[in-house]
Amino acid sequence: MVVGLSAGRLRRPVSALEFNENIATLSIRPGAKPGDPAGLELPPDTGLSLVRHVTTAESGSVTVIAVDRLPDRAWLDVRGTIAVDAAQASRDVAVATPTLYFTHALTLALAARGIQVRGIPRELVRSEYSAVRPEASRSSSRNRRRCARSPR
């Protein structure tokens, strides 16, 4: 079961850009000794924060991990225990910011192939988008007028 999906209904933002069906893998690994906090890790730019309630249990004990996410919340409540000698566990979770998740994955893929990318992916908030958009609209309308006047 994917955390962030409930009864067939998505609990995640919709985006035109999608990577890995907007699903990320949460990794859970045991601490060094019983009683230590377990290590939790998510890929970058999922838009999710972690509330960590997972401890390392005695050798041979059963691993029990529960992951909860409320609708429209960008945090995962991860609870349970993982045995000190257990292999790393994982859970699939729906990302909170699909656009950033996609652009970060694209940036990493380009860099892995030797293509230099400057800057880091970021998501424009509405005020930044509004400041950029009027210029794009003016230039588009100018181009439409030029195209309409140009001979065929």
N, C-alpha and C. Protein backbone atom coordinates (compact mmCIF):
# COMPACT_ATOMS: atom_id res chain seq x y z
N MET A 1 0.84 -1.18 0.00
CA MET A 1 0.00 0.00 0.00
C MET A 1 0.88 1.24 0.00
N VAL A 2 0.50 2.22 -0.77
CA VAL A 2 1.25 3.47 -0.85
C VAL A 2 0.64 4.45 0.14
N VAL A 3 1.47 4.98 1.05
CA VAL A 3 0.98 5.96 2.01
C VAL A 3 0.74 7.25 1.26
N GLY A 4 -0.42 7.86 1.48
CA GLY A 4 -0.81 9.05 0.75
C GLY A 4 -1.90 8.72 -0.25
N LEU A 5 -2.20 7.43 -0.40
CA LEU A 5 -3.29 6.98 -1.26
C LEU A 5 -4.31 6.30 -0.35
N SER A 6 -5.56 6.62 -0.54
CA SER A 6 -6.57 6.05 0.34
C SER A 6 -7.82 5.71 -0.45
N ALA A 7 -8.23 4.48 -0.40
CA ALA A 7 -9.44 4.01 -1.07
C ALA A 7 -9.48 4.47 -2.53
N GLY A 8 -8.35 4.41 -3.20
CA GLY A 8 -8.31 4.79 -4.60
C GLY A 8 -8.28 6.29 -4.84
N ARG A 9 -8.34 7.08 -3.80
CA ARG A 9 -8.36 8.53 -3.95
C ARG A 9 -6.99 9.08 -3.59
N LEU A 10 -6.42 9.90 -4.48
CA LEU A 10 -5.09 10.44 -4.24
C LEU A 10 -5.11 11.53 -3.19
N ARG A 11 -4.14 11.50 -2.31
CA ARG A 11 -3.96 12.55 -1.31
C ARG A 11 -2.68 13.31 -1.62
N ARG A 12 -2.53 13.74 -2.85
CA ARG A 12 -1.32 14.45 -3.25
C ARG A 12 -1.69 15.48 -4.30
N PRO A 13 -0.88 16.51 -4.44
CA PRO A 13 -1.16 17.52 -5.45
C PRO A 13 -1.05 16.92 -6.85
N VAL A 14 -1.79 17.48 -7.77
CA VAL A 14 -1.75 17.05 -9.15
C VAL A 14 -0.75 17.92 -9.88
N SER A 15 0.02 17.34 -10.77
CA SER A 15 1.02 18.08 -11.51
C SER A 15 1.10 17.55 -12.93
N ALA A 16 1.43 18.44 -13.87
CA ALA A 16 1.62 18.01 -15.25
C ALA A 16 2.91 17.21 -15.39
N LEU A 17 3.86 17.43 -14.49
CA LEU A 17 5.11 16.70 -14.50
C LEU A 17 5.03 15.55 -13.50
N GLU A 18 5.45 14.39 -13.94
CA GLU A 18 5.38 13.24 -13.05
C GLU A 18 6.65 12.40 -13.20
N PHE A 19 7.15 11.95 -12.07
CA PHE A 19 8.30 11.05 -12.05
C PHE A 19 7.98 9.90 -11.11
N ASN A 20 8.14 8.69 -11.59
CA ASN A 20 7.91 7.49 -10.78
C ASN A 20 6.50 7.51 -10.16
N GLU A 21 5.53 7.96 -10.95
CA GLU A 21 4.13 8.05 -10.50
C GLU A 21 3.98 8.90 -9.24
N ASN A 22 4.93 9.83 -9.03
CA ASN A 22 4.95 10.71 -7.85
C ASN A 22 4.99 9.92 -6.54
N ILE A 23 5.69 8.79 -6.61
CA ILE A 23 5.86 7.93 -5.43
C ILE A 23 7.34 7.90 -5.07
N ALA A 24 7.65 8.10 -3.80
CA ALA A 24 9.03 8.02 -3.30
C ALA A 24 9.13 6.85 -2.33
N THR A 25 10.34 6.38 -2.13
CA THR A 25 10.56 5.27 -1.20
C THR A 25 11.19 5.79 0.09
N LEU A 26 10.51 5.54 1.18
CA LEU A 26 11.03 5.85 2.51
C LEU A 26 11.85 4.65 2.98
N SER A 27 13.12 4.89 3.33
CA SER A 27 13.99 3.81 3.81
C SER A 27 14.11 3.88 5.33
N ILE A 28 14.01 2.72 5.97
CA ILE A 28 14.10 2.62 7.43
C ILE A 28 15.19 1.61 7.75
N ARG A 29 16.21 2.03 8.49
CA ARG A 29 17.29 1.10 8.86
C ARG A 29 17.48 1.15 10.38
N PRO A 30 17.87 0.02 10.95
CA PRO A 30 18.04 -0.04 12.41
C PRO A 30 19.22 0.81 12.88
N GLY A 31 19.13 1.24 14.14
CA GLY A 31 20.24 1.95 14.78
C GLY A 31 21.33 0.95 15.18
N ALA A 32 22.37 1.45 15.83
CA ALA A 32 23.52 0.62 16.19
C ALA A 32 23.21 -0.39 17.29
N LYS A 33 22.29 -0.02 18.21
CA LYS A 33 21.98 -0.93 19.32
C LYS A 33 20.52 -0.75 19.73
N PRO A 34 19.93 -1.76 20.40
CA PRO A 34 18.54 -1.64 20.84
C PRO A 34 18.32 -0.36 21.66
N GLY A 35 17.21 0.29 21.38
CA GLY A 35 16.87 1.54 22.06
C GLY A 35 17.25 2.78 21.26
N ASP A 36 18.19 2.62 20.31
CA ASP A 36 18.58 3.76 19.46
C ASP A 36 17.46 4.10 18.48
N PRO A 37 17.39 5.36 18.07
CA PRO A 37 16.43 5.70 17.02
C PRO A 37 16.83 5.04 15.69
N ALA A 38 15.85 4.65 14.92
CA ALA A 38 16.12 4.07 13.61
C ALA A 38 16.44 5.20 12.63
N GLY A 39 17.19 4.88 11.59
CA GLY A 39 17.49 5.85 10.54
C GLY A 39 16.37 5.88 9.52
N LEU A 40 15.88 7.06 9.20
CA LEU A 40 14.83 7.23 8.19
C LEU A 40 15.37 8.13 7.10
N GLU A 41 15.07 7.78 5.85
CA GLU A 41 15.59 8.58 4.74
C GLU A 41 14.58 8.62 3.59
N LEU A 42 14.41 9.83 3.05
CA LEU A 42 13.58 10.05 1.86
C LEU A 42 14.45 10.66 0.77
N PRO A 43 14.11 10.45 -0.51
CA PRO A 43 14.85 11.14 -1.57
C PRO A 43 14.66 12.65 -1.45
N PRO A 44 15.57 13.44 -2.02
CA PRO A 44 15.44 14.90 -1.94
C PRO A 44 14.20 15.41 -2.68
N ASP A 45 13.71 16.54 -2.24
CA ASP A 45 12.60 17.27 -2.88
C ASP A 45 11.29 16.51 -3.00
N THR A 46 11.00 15.65 -2.03
CA THR A 46 9.67 15.01 -2.01
C THR A 46 8.65 15.98 -1.44
N GLY A 47 9.13 17.01 -0.73
CA GLY A 47 8.24 17.96 -0.09
C GLY A 47 7.68 17.45 1.22
N LEU A 48 8.22 16.35 1.70
CA LEU A 48 7.71 15.73 2.93
C LEU A 48 8.70 15.89 4.08
N SER A 49 8.16 16.08 5.26
CA SER A 49 8.95 16.07 6.48
C SER A 49 8.62 14.79 7.24
N LEU A 50 9.53 14.39 8.10
CA LEU A 50 9.34 13.15 8.86
C LEU A 50 9.19 13.44 10.34
N VAL A 51 8.19 12.82 10.96
CA VAL A 51 8.05 12.79 12.41
C VAL A 51 8.51 11.39 12.80
N ARG A 52 9.64 11.33 13.50
CA ARG A 52 10.34 10.07 13.73
C ARG A 52 9.99 9.44 15.08
N HIS A 53 9.30 8.30 15.01
CA HIS A 53 8.96 7.54 16.22
C HIS A 53 9.31 6.07 16.04
N VAL A 54 10.44 5.79 15.40
CA VAL A 54 10.86 4.41 15.16
C VAL A 54 12.12 4.15 15.98
N THR A 55 12.08 3.08 16.77
CA THR A 55 13.25 2.72 17.59
C THR A 55 13.79 1.35 17.16
N THR A 56 15.01 1.12 17.53
CA THR A 56 15.66 -0.16 17.25
C THR A 56 15.33 -1.13 18.37
N ALA A 57 14.89 -2.32 17.98
CA ALA A 57 14.48 -3.36 18.95
C ALA A 57 15.57 -4.43 19.07
N GLU A 58 15.37 -5.36 19.99
CA GLU A 58 16.31 -6.47 20.24
C GLU A 58 16.46 -7.33 18.98
N SER A 59 17.58 -8.00 18.90
CA SER A 59 17.87 -8.91 17.79
C SER A 59 16.77 -9.97 17.68
N GLY A 60 16.36 -10.25 16.45
CA GLY A 60 15.36 -11.28 16.21
C GLY A 60 13.92 -10.84 16.39
N SER A 61 13.67 -9.64 16.87
CA SER A 61 12.28 -9.20 17.04
C SER A 61 11.65 -8.84 15.69
N VAL A 62 10.35 -8.79 15.67
CA VAL A 62 9.61 -8.51 14.45
C VAL A 62 9.66 -7.01 14.14
N THR A 63 9.87 -6.69 12.87
CA THR A 63 9.85 -5.29 12.44
C THR A 63 8.42 -4.87 12.18
N VAL A 64 8.00 -3.81 12.85
CA VAL A 64 6.64 -3.28 12.68
C VAL A 64 6.78 -1.78 12.43
N ILE A 65 6.39 -1.35 11.23
CA ILE A 65 6.49 0.06 10.86
C ILE A 65 5.13 0.53 10.37
N ALA A 66 4.65 1.64 10.91
CA ALA A 66 3.40 2.27 10.44
C ALA A 66 3.73 3.68 9.98
N VAL A 67 3.17 4.05 8.84
CA VAL A 67 3.39 5.38 8.28
C VAL A 67 2.02 6.00 8.04
N ASP A 68 1.78 7.16 8.65
CA ASP A 68 0.51 7.86 8.48
C ASP A 68 0.75 9.24 7.91
N ARG A 69 -0.20 9.68 7.09
CA ARG A 69 -0.15 11.03 6.52
C ARG A 69 -1.58 11.53 6.41
N LEU A 70 -1.84 12.66 7.02
CA LEU A 70 -3.17 13.26 6.92
C LEU A 70 -3.33 13.95 5.57
N PRO A 71 -4.57 14.03 5.07
CA PRO A 71 -4.79 14.72 3.80
C PRO A 71 -4.28 16.16 3.87
N ASP A 72 -3.71 16.63 2.79
CA ASP A 72 -3.21 18.00 2.68
C ASP A 72 -2.14 18.35 3.70
N ARG A 73 -1.45 17.39 4.24
CA ARG A 73 -0.32 17.64 5.16
C ARG A 73 0.96 17.16 4.50
N ALA A 74 2.03 17.88 4.74
CA ALA A 74 3.31 17.54 4.10
C ALA A 74 4.26 16.86 5.07
N TRP A 75 3.72 16.06 5.98
CA TRP A 75 4.60 15.32 6.88
C TRP A 75 4.08 13.91 7.06
N LEU A 76 5.04 13.03 7.31
CA LEU A 76 4.74 11.62 7.56
C LEU A 76 5.04 11.31 9.01
N ASP A 77 4.11 10.68 9.68
CA ASP A 77 4.32 10.21 11.05
C ASP A 77 4.73 8.75 10.94
N VAL A 78 6.01 8.48 11.21
CA VAL A 78 6.55 7.12 11.08
C VAL A 78 6.77 6.55 12.48
N ARG A 79 6.08 5.42 12.77
CA ARG A 79 6.13 4.82 14.10
C ARG A 79 6.47 3.35 14.00
N GLY A 80 7.05 2.82 15.06
CA GLY A 80 7.27 1.39 15.13
C GLY A 80 8.64 1.00 15.63
N THR A 81 8.99 -0.26 15.35
CA THR A 81 10.29 -0.81 15.76
C THR A 81 10.89 -1.60 14.61
N ILE A 82 12.21 -1.66 14.61
CA ILE A 82 12.94 -2.47 13.64
C ILE A 82 14.06 -3.16 14.41
N ALA A 83 14.21 -4.46 14.20
CA ALA A 83 15.21 -5.24 14.93
C ALA A 83 16.62 -4.77 14.56
N VAL A 84 17.51 -4.81 15.55
CA VAL A 84 18.88 -4.36 15.36
C VAL A 84 19.59 -5.15 14.25
N ASP A 85 19.19 -6.43 14.05
CA ASP A 85 19.81 -7.26 13.02
C ASP A 85 18.97 -7.35 11.75
N ALA A 86 17.95 -6.53 11.64
CA ALA A 86 17.05 -6.57 10.47
C ALA A 86 17.69 -5.87 9.27
N ALA A 87 17.28 -6.32 8.10
CA ALA A 87 17.67 -5.63 6.86
C ALA A 87 16.89 -4.32 6.78
N GLN A 88 17.38 -3.41 5.96
CA GLN A 88 16.68 -2.15 5.76
C GLN A 88 15.26 -2.42 5.28
N ALA A 89 14.29 -1.69 5.81
CA ALA A 89 12.89 -1.80 5.37
C ALA A 89 12.56 -0.59 4.51
N SER A 90 11.50 -0.69 3.73
CA SER A 90 11.09 0.45 2.91
C SER A 90 9.58 0.51 2.80
N ARG A 91 9.07 1.71 2.58
CA ARG A 91 7.65 1.96 2.37
C ARG A 91 7.52 2.97 1.24
N ASP A 92 6.54 2.77 0.36
CA ASP A 92 6.27 3.73 -0.71
C ASP A 92 5.34 4.82 -0.17
N VAL A 93 5.65 6.08 -0.52
CA VAL A 93 4.85 7.21 -0.06
C VAL A 93 4.61 8.17 -1.23
N ALA A 94 3.46 8.82 -1.24
CA ALA A 94 3.15 9.82 -2.27
C ALA A 94 3.89 11.11 -1.93
N VAL A 95 4.54 11.73 -2.93
CA VAL A 95 5.28 12.96 -2.69
C VAL A 95 4.32 14.13 -2.51
N ALA A 96 4.80 15.21 -1.87
CA ALA A 96 3.95 16.38 -1.63
C ALA A 96 4.13 17.44 -2.72
N THR A 97 5.30 17.47 -3.36
CA THR A 97 5.56 18.47 -4.40
C THR A 97 6.05 17.76 -5.67
N PRO A 98 5.11 17.29 -6.50
CA PRO A 98 5.49 16.53 -7.69
C PRO A 98 6.43 17.27 -8.64
N THR A 99 6.23 18.58 -8.83
CA THR A 99 7.06 19.33 -9.75
C THR A 99 8.52 19.35 -9.29
N LEU A 100 8.74 19.64 -8.01
CA LEU A 100 10.11 19.64 -7.49
C LEU A 100 10.72 18.25 -7.52
N TYR A 101 9.93 17.25 -7.24
CA TYR A 101 10.42 15.87 -7.27
C TYR A 101 10.91 15.53 -8.68
N PHE A 102 10.12 15.88 -9.68
CA PHE A 102 10.49 15.63 -11.07
C PHE A 102 11.75 16.41 -11.46
N THR A 103 11.77 17.71 -11.17
CA THR A 103 12.90 18.54 -11.61
C THR A 103 14.20 18.14 -10.89
N HIS A 104 14.09 17.73 -9.65
CA HIS A 104 15.30 17.28 -8.94
C HIS A 104 15.82 15.98 -9.55
N ALA A 105 14.93 15.06 -9.86
CA ALA A 105 15.34 13.80 -10.49
C ALA A 105 15.96 14.07 -11.86
N LEU A 106 15.39 15.01 -12.61
CA LEU A 106 15.95 15.36 -13.92
C LEU A 106 17.34 15.97 -13.77
N THR A 107 17.49 16.87 -12.81
CA THR A 107 18.80 17.49 -12.56
C THR A 107 19.85 16.44 -12.22
N LEU A 108 19.52 15.49 -11.36
CA LEU A 108 20.45 14.43 -10.99
C LEU A 108 20.79 13.53 -12.18
N ALA A 109 19.80 13.23 -13.01
CA ALA A 109 20.02 12.39 -14.19
C ALA A 109 20.94 13.09 -15.19
N LEU A 110 20.73 14.38 -15.40
CA LEU A 110 21.59 15.14 -16.32
C LEU A 110 23.03 15.19 -15.79
N ALA A 111 23.17 15.47 -14.50
CA ALA A 111 24.51 15.54 -13.89
C ALA A 111 25.22 14.19 -13.98
N ALA A 112 24.49 13.10 -13.80
CA ALA A 112 25.09 11.76 -13.88
C ALA A 112 25.62 11.46 -15.28
N ARG A 113 25.08 12.15 -16.26
CA ARG A 113 25.53 11.97 -17.65
C ARG A 113 26.52 13.04 -18.09
N GLY A 114 27.03 13.80 -17.12
CA GLY A 114 28.05 14.80 -17.42
C GLY A 114 27.53 16.12 -17.94
N ILE A 115 26.23 16.34 -17.87
CA ILE A 115 25.65 17.61 -18.34
C ILE A 115 25.57 18.55 -17.15
N GLN A 116 26.20 19.71 -17.30
CA GLN A 116 26.24 20.67 -16.19
C GLN A 116 24.91 21.40 -16.07
N VAL A 117 24.40 21.46 -14.87
CA VAL A 117 23.16 22.18 -14.58
C VAL A 117 23.48 23.20 -13.51
N ARG A 118 23.19 24.47 -13.79
CA ARG A 118 23.44 25.52 -12.79
C ARG A 118 22.18 25.77 -11.98
N GLY A 119 22.37 26.04 -10.71
CA GLY A 119 21.23 26.32 -9.84
C GLY A 119 20.58 25.04 -9.35
N ILE A 120 19.59 25.22 -8.51
CA ILE A 120 18.85 24.08 -8.00
C ILE A 120 17.38 24.26 -8.35
N PRO A 121 16.66 23.17 -8.52
CA PRO A 121 15.23 23.30 -8.83
C PRO A 121 14.49 24.01 -7.70
N ARG A 122 13.55 24.83 -8.07
CA ARG A 122 12.68 25.46 -7.08
C ARG A 122 11.32 25.66 -7.70
N GLU A 123 10.35 25.81 -6.86
CA GLU A 123 8.99 25.98 -7.31
C GLU A 123 8.60 27.44 -7.13
N LEU A 124 8.08 28.06 -8.19
CA LEU A 124 7.65 29.44 -8.08
C LEU A 124 6.36 29.51 -7.27
N VAL A 125 6.32 30.42 -6.32
CA VAL A 125 5.07 30.65 -5.61
C VAL A 125 4.26 31.64 -6.42
N ARG A 126 2.98 31.72 -6.19
CA ARG A 126 2.09 32.51 -7.02
C ARG A 126 2.58 33.94 -7.22
N SER A 127 3.10 34.62 -6.19
CA SER A 127 3.54 36.00 -6.34
C SER A 127 4.71 36.10 -7.31
N GLU A 128 5.63 35.14 -7.29
CA GLU A 128 6.75 35.13 -8.24
C GLU A 128 6.24 34.84 -9.64
N TYR A 129 5.31 33.92 -9.76
CA TYR A 129 4.76 33.54 -11.06
C TYR A 129 4.04 34.73 -11.68
N SER A 130 3.26 35.46 -10.88
CA SER A 130 2.52 36.62 -11.37
C SER A 130 3.46 37.70 -11.86
N ALA A 131 4.60 37.86 -11.19
CA ALA A 131 5.56 38.88 -11.60
C ALA A 131 6.20 38.52 -12.93
N VAL A 132 6.34 37.25 -13.24
CA VAL A 132 6.98 36.81 -14.48
C VAL A 132 5.96 36.76 -15.62
N ARG A 133 4.77 36.34 -15.35
CA ARG A 133 3.78 36.06 -16.37
C ARG A 133 3.40 37.25 -17.25
N PRO A 134 3.18 38.49 -16.73
CA PRO A 134 2.77 39.58 -17.62
C PRO A 134 3.75 39.81 -18.76
N GLU A 135 5.05 39.70 -18.50
CA GLU A 135 6.04 39.89 -19.56
C GLU A 135 5.88 38.81 -20.63
N ALA A 136 5.67 37.60 -20.20
CA ALA A 136 5.48 36.50 -21.16
C ALA A 136 4.23 36.75 -21.99
N SER A 137 3.18 37.26 -21.39
CA SER A 137 1.94 37.53 -22.11
C SER A 137 2.15 38.63 -23.13
N ARG A 138 2.86 39.71 -22.76
CA ARG A 138 3.10 40.81 -23.70
C ARG A 138 3.92 40.32 -24.88
N SER A 139 4.95 39.55 -24.61
CA SER A 139 5.80 39.06 -25.70
C SER A 139 5.01 38.11 -26.60
N SER A 140 4.13 37.28 -26.03
CA SER A 140 3.32 36.37 -26.84
C SER A 140 2.37 37.14 -27.73
N SER A 141 1.74 38.20 -27.19
CA SER A 141 0.79 38.96 -28.01
C SER A 141 1.53 39.70 -29.11
N ARG A 142 2.76 40.21 -28.83
CA ARG A 142 3.56 40.86 -29.88
C ARG A 142 3.90 39.86 -30.98
N ASN A 143 4.28 38.66 -30.59
CA ASN A 143 4.61 37.65 -31.59
C ASN A 143 3.40 37.26 -32.43
N ARG A 144 2.22 37.18 -31.80
CA ARG A 144 1.01 36.87 -32.56
C ARG A 144 0.73 37.96 -33.59
N ARG A 145 0.91 39.24 -33.17
CA ARG A 145 0.67 40.35 -34.11
C ARG A 145 1.66 40.28 -35.27
N ARG A 146 2.94 40.00 -34.96
CA ARG A 146 3.95 39.88 -36.03
C ARG A 146 3.60 38.77 -36.99
N CYS A 147 3.17 37.63 -36.46
CA CYS A 147 2.83 36.51 -37.31
C CYS A 147 1.63 36.83 -38.19
N ALA A 148 0.67 37.56 -37.63
CA ALA A 148 -0.53 37.91 -38.39
C ALA A 148 -0.18 38.86 -39.53
N ARG A 149 0.84 39.72 -39.38
CA ARG A 149 1.20 40.70 -40.40
C ARG A 149 2.16 40.15 -41.43
N SER A 150 2.87 39.08 -41.10
CA SER A 150 3.90 38.59 -42.01
C SER A 150 3.25 37.93 -43.24
N PRO A 151 3.85 38.18 -44.42
CA PRO A 151 3.30 37.57 -45.64
C PRO A 151 3.52 36.07 -45.65
N ARG A 152 2.66 35.37 -46.30
CA ARG A 152 2.78 33.91 -46.36
C ARG A 152 3.54 33.46 -47.54
